[in-house]
Amino acid sequence: MKKIYLMRHGETLFNTMDVNQGQCDSPLTENGIRQAKAAKAWFDAHNVHFDAVYSSTTQRSSSQAGCPIPAAKTSRKFSSA
């Protein structure tokens, strides 16, 4: 059976400033990077492998998409919508 995992990006600079970022881009903080690495560790611990990853083109999302996803057989697809 196929599974779909939904994941939100980690903490961003705008999150720490309580700024609504919408389509504006804001980089991940050190905490956000730790959160992404923790997500990767969870996927690894649960032997989760991805055939494809869909992400927006914002830096906070696309940099996140690269972190928890094992590089081996993953094709990344981006959407500006």
N, C-alpha and C. Protein backbone atom coordinates (compact mmCIF):
# COMPACT_ATOMS: atom_id res chain seq x y z
N MET A 1 0.83 -1.17 0.00
CA MET A 1 0.00 0.00 0.00
C MET A 1 0.89 1.25 0.00
N LYS A 2 0.53 2.21 -0.83
CA LYS A 2 1.26 3.48 -0.90
C LYS A 2 0.92 4.35 0.30
N LYS A 3 1.88 5.14 0.74
CA LYS A 3 1.66 6.10 1.82
C LYS A 3 2.08 7.48 1.35
N ILE A 4 1.38 8.48 1.84
CA ILE A 4 1.73 9.87 1.55
C ILE A 4 2.08 10.54 2.88
N TYR A 5 3.24 11.19 2.90
CA TYR A 5 3.67 11.93 4.08
C TYR A 5 3.60 13.41 3.77
N LEU A 6 2.99 14.17 4.66
CA LEU A 6 2.94 15.62 4.54
C LEU A 6 3.84 16.21 5.62
N MET A 7 4.62 17.19 5.22
CA MET A 7 5.56 17.77 6.16
C MET A 7 5.65 19.27 5.93
N ARG A 8 5.59 20.00 7.00
CA ARG A 8 5.75 21.46 6.93
C ARG A 8 7.22 21.78 7.17
N HIS A 9 7.66 22.91 6.64
CA HIS A 9 9.04 23.32 6.86
C HIS A 9 9.30 23.59 8.34
N GLY A 10 10.58 23.57 8.71
CA GLY A 10 10.97 23.88 10.09
C GLY A 10 10.87 25.37 10.38
N GLU A 11 11.25 25.73 11.58
CA GLU A 11 11.18 27.12 12.02
C GLU A 11 12.00 28.03 11.11
N THR A 12 11.43 29.19 10.78
CA THR A 12 12.12 30.17 9.95
C THR A 12 12.40 31.44 10.74
N LEU A 13 13.23 32.30 10.16
CA LEU A 13 13.53 33.59 10.78
C LEU A 13 12.25 34.38 11.03
N PHE A 14 11.35 34.41 10.04
CA PHE A 14 10.09 35.15 10.21
C PHE A 14 9.24 34.55 11.33
N ASN A 15 9.28 33.22 11.51
CA ASN A 15 8.55 32.60 12.62
C ASN A 15 9.01 33.17 13.95
N THR A 16 10.31 33.36 14.11
CA THR A 16 10.84 33.85 15.38
C THR A 16 10.47 35.31 15.62
N MET A 17 10.16 36.03 14.52
CA MET A 17 9.79 37.45 14.62
C MET A 17 8.27 37.63 14.63
N ASP A 18 7.53 36.51 14.62
CA ASP A 18 6.06 36.52 14.59
C ASP A 18 5.53 37.30 13.39
N VAL A 19 6.20 37.09 12.24
CA VAL A 19 5.82 37.74 10.99
C VAL A 19 5.13 36.71 10.11
N ASN A 20 3.98 37.06 9.55
CA ASN A 20 3.28 36.19 8.62
C ASN A 20 4.02 36.25 7.29
N GLN A 21 4.60 35.13 6.86
CA GLN A 21 5.46 35.17 5.69
C GLN A 21 4.75 34.92 4.37
N GLY A 22 3.64 34.22 4.37
CA GLY A 22 2.91 33.99 3.12
C GLY A 22 3.83 33.55 2.01
N GLN A 23 3.83 34.27 0.89
CA GLN A 23 4.70 33.94 -0.24
C GLN A 23 6.10 34.52 -0.11
N CYS A 24 6.32 35.38 0.91
CA CYS A 24 7.68 35.89 1.15
C CYS A 24 8.56 34.72 1.58
N ASP A 25 9.83 34.83 1.31
CA ASP A 25 10.73 33.75 1.67
C ASP A 25 11.53 34.13 2.90
N SER A 26 11.81 33.17 3.73
CA SER A 26 12.57 33.36 4.96
C SER A 26 13.36 32.08 5.19
N PRO A 27 14.64 32.19 5.49
CA PRO A 27 15.46 30.99 5.66
C PRO A 27 15.15 30.25 6.96
N LEU A 28 15.49 28.98 6.98
CA LEU A 28 15.37 28.21 8.21
C LEU A 28 16.36 28.72 9.25
N THR A 29 15.95 28.72 10.51
CA THR A 29 16.85 29.05 11.60
C THR A 29 17.66 27.82 11.95
N GLU A 30 18.62 27.96 12.86
CA GLU A 30 19.36 26.79 13.33
C GLU A 30 18.40 25.76 13.93
N ASN A 31 17.38 26.25 14.64
CA ASN A 31 16.37 25.34 15.19
C ASN A 31 15.60 24.64 14.07
N GLY A 32 15.26 25.37 13.02
CA GLY A 32 14.57 24.79 11.88
C GLY A 32 15.40 23.71 11.19
N ILE A 33 16.70 23.94 11.12
CA ILE A 33 17.61 22.94 10.54
C ILE A 33 17.66 21.71 11.43
N ARG A 34 17.70 21.92 12.77
CA ARG A 34 17.66 20.78 13.70
C ARG A 34 16.35 20.00 13.55
N GLN A 35 15.24 20.72 13.36
CA GLN A 35 13.94 20.07 13.16
C GLN A 35 13.95 19.21 11.90
N ALA A 36 14.55 19.73 10.83
CA ALA A 36 14.62 18.97 9.58
C ALA A 36 15.48 17.72 9.77
N LYS A 37 16.58 17.86 10.48
CA LYS A 37 17.45 16.70 10.73
C LYS A 37 16.74 15.67 11.61
N ALA A 38 15.93 16.14 12.56
CA ALA A 38 15.16 15.22 13.40
C ALA A 38 14.13 14.47 12.55
N ALA A 39 13.53 15.15 11.58
CA ALA A 39 12.59 14.49 10.68
C ALA A 39 13.31 13.41 9.87
N LYS A 40 14.52 13.73 9.39
CA LYS A 40 15.29 12.74 8.64
C LYS A 40 15.58 11.53 9.51
N ALA A 41 15.97 11.78 10.76
CA ALA A 41 16.26 10.67 11.68
C ALA A 41 15.02 9.80 11.89
N TRP A 42 13.85 10.43 11.98
CA TRP A 42 12.61 9.66 12.15
C TRP A 42 12.33 8.80 10.93
N PHE A 43 12.45 9.40 9.74
CA PHE A 43 12.23 8.62 8.51
C PHE A 43 13.22 7.46 8.42
N ASP A 44 14.48 7.72 8.75
CA ASP A 44 15.50 6.67 8.71
C ASP A 44 15.17 5.56 9.72
N ALA A 45 14.78 5.94 10.93
CA ALA A 45 14.48 4.97 11.99
C ALA A 45 13.28 4.10 11.64
N HIS A 46 12.36 4.66 10.86
CA HIS A 46 11.17 3.92 10.47
C HIS A 46 11.28 3.33 9.07
N ASN A 47 12.49 3.35 8.53
CA ASN A 47 12.78 2.76 7.22
C ASN A 47 11.83 3.28 6.12
N VAL A 48 11.61 4.60 6.15
CA VAL A 48 10.74 5.23 5.15
C VAL A 48 11.61 5.69 3.98
N HIS A 49 11.22 5.28 2.78
CA HIS A 49 11.93 5.67 1.56
C HIS A 49 10.94 6.36 0.63
N PHE A 50 11.42 7.33 -0.11
CA PHE A 50 10.56 8.13 -0.99
C PHE A 50 10.89 7.88 -2.45
N ASP A 51 9.85 7.80 -3.26
CA ASP A 51 10.02 7.72 -4.71
C ASP A 51 10.01 9.12 -5.31
N ALA A 52 9.29 10.04 -4.68
CA ALA A 52 9.21 11.42 -5.18
C ALA A 52 8.91 12.35 -4.01
N VAL A 53 9.34 13.59 -4.17
CA VAL A 53 9.08 14.64 -3.19
C VAL A 53 8.55 15.85 -3.94
N TYR A 54 7.46 16.40 -3.45
CA TYR A 54 6.87 17.59 -4.05
C TYR A 54 7.03 18.74 -3.07
N SER A 55 7.53 19.87 -3.55
CA SER A 55 7.83 20.99 -2.66
C SER A 55 7.59 22.30 -3.41
N SER A 56 7.30 23.35 -2.65
CA SER A 56 7.25 24.67 -3.28
C SER A 56 8.67 25.12 -3.58
N THR A 57 8.82 26.20 -4.29
CA THR A 57 10.15 26.69 -4.66
C THR A 57 10.73 27.64 -3.61
N THR A 58 10.00 27.92 -2.54
CA THR A 58 10.55 28.79 -1.51
C THR A 58 11.76 28.12 -0.88
N GLN A 59 12.72 28.93 -0.45
CA GLN A 59 13.94 28.40 0.14
C GLN A 59 13.62 27.56 1.38
N ARG A 60 12.67 28.03 2.20
CA ARG A 60 12.37 27.31 3.43
C ARG A 60 11.83 25.91 3.14
N SER A 61 11.13 25.75 2.03
CA SER A 61 10.57 24.44 1.69
C SER A 61 11.54 23.58 0.88
N SER A 62 12.19 24.18 -0.10
CA SER A 62 13.07 23.37 -0.94
C SER A 62 14.32 22.94 -0.20
N SER A 63 14.83 23.77 0.72
CA SER A 63 16.00 23.34 1.49
C SER A 63 15.58 22.25 2.46
N GLN A 64 14.37 22.33 2.99
CA GLN A 64 13.83 21.30 3.87
C GLN A 64 13.67 19.99 3.11
N ALA A 65 13.21 20.07 1.89
CA ALA A 65 12.97 18.85 1.11
C ALA A 65 14.25 18.06 0.91
N GLY A 66 15.37 18.75 0.83
CA GLY A 66 16.64 18.05 0.63
C GLY A 66 17.15 17.39 1.89
N CYS A 67 16.74 17.86 3.04
CA CYS A 67 17.30 17.35 4.29
C CYS A 67 16.74 15.99 4.70
N PRO A 68 15.42 15.84 4.81
CA PRO A 68 14.95 14.55 5.31
C PRO A 68 14.89 13.45 4.27
N ILE A 69 15.18 13.75 3.04
CA ILE A 69 14.97 12.78 1.98
C ILE A 69 16.29 12.11 1.60
N PRO A 70 16.36 10.79 1.71
CA PRO A 70 17.56 10.11 1.24
C PRO A 70 17.78 10.38 -0.25
N ALA A 71 18.98 10.66 -0.63
CA ALA A 71 19.27 11.11 -2.00
C ALA A 71 19.14 10.01 -3.05
N ALA A 72 19.24 8.77 -2.65
CA ALA A 72 19.38 7.67 -3.60
C ALA A 72 18.40 7.67 -4.77
N LYS A 73 17.13 7.40 -4.54
CA LYS A 73 16.20 7.23 -5.65
C LYS A 73 15.14 8.32 -5.70
N THR A 74 15.44 9.48 -5.15
CA THR A 74 14.41 10.52 -5.03
C THR A 74 14.45 11.47 -6.22
N SER A 75 13.28 11.73 -6.79
CA SER A 75 13.17 12.80 -7.78
C SER A 75 12.39 13.91 -7.11
N ARG A 76 12.91 15.12 -7.17
CA ARG A 76 12.26 16.25 -6.53
C ARG A 76 11.49 17.04 -7.57
N LYS A 77 10.27 17.38 -7.22
CA LYS A 77 9.41 18.14 -8.11
C LYS A 77 8.99 19.40 -7.38
N PHE A 78 9.13 20.55 -8.03
CA PHE A 78 8.81 21.82 -7.41
C PHE A 78 7.60 22.45 -8.08
N SER A 79 6.86 23.20 -7.27
CA SER A 79 5.69 23.90 -7.78
C SER A 79 5.71 25.33 -7.28
N SER A 80 5.48 26.27 -8.15
CA SER A 80 5.44 27.67 -7.73
C SER A 80 4.03 28.08 -7.32
N ALA A 81 3.08 27.16 -7.38
CA ALA A 81 1.71 27.47 -7.00
C ALA A 81 1.52 27.47 -5.52
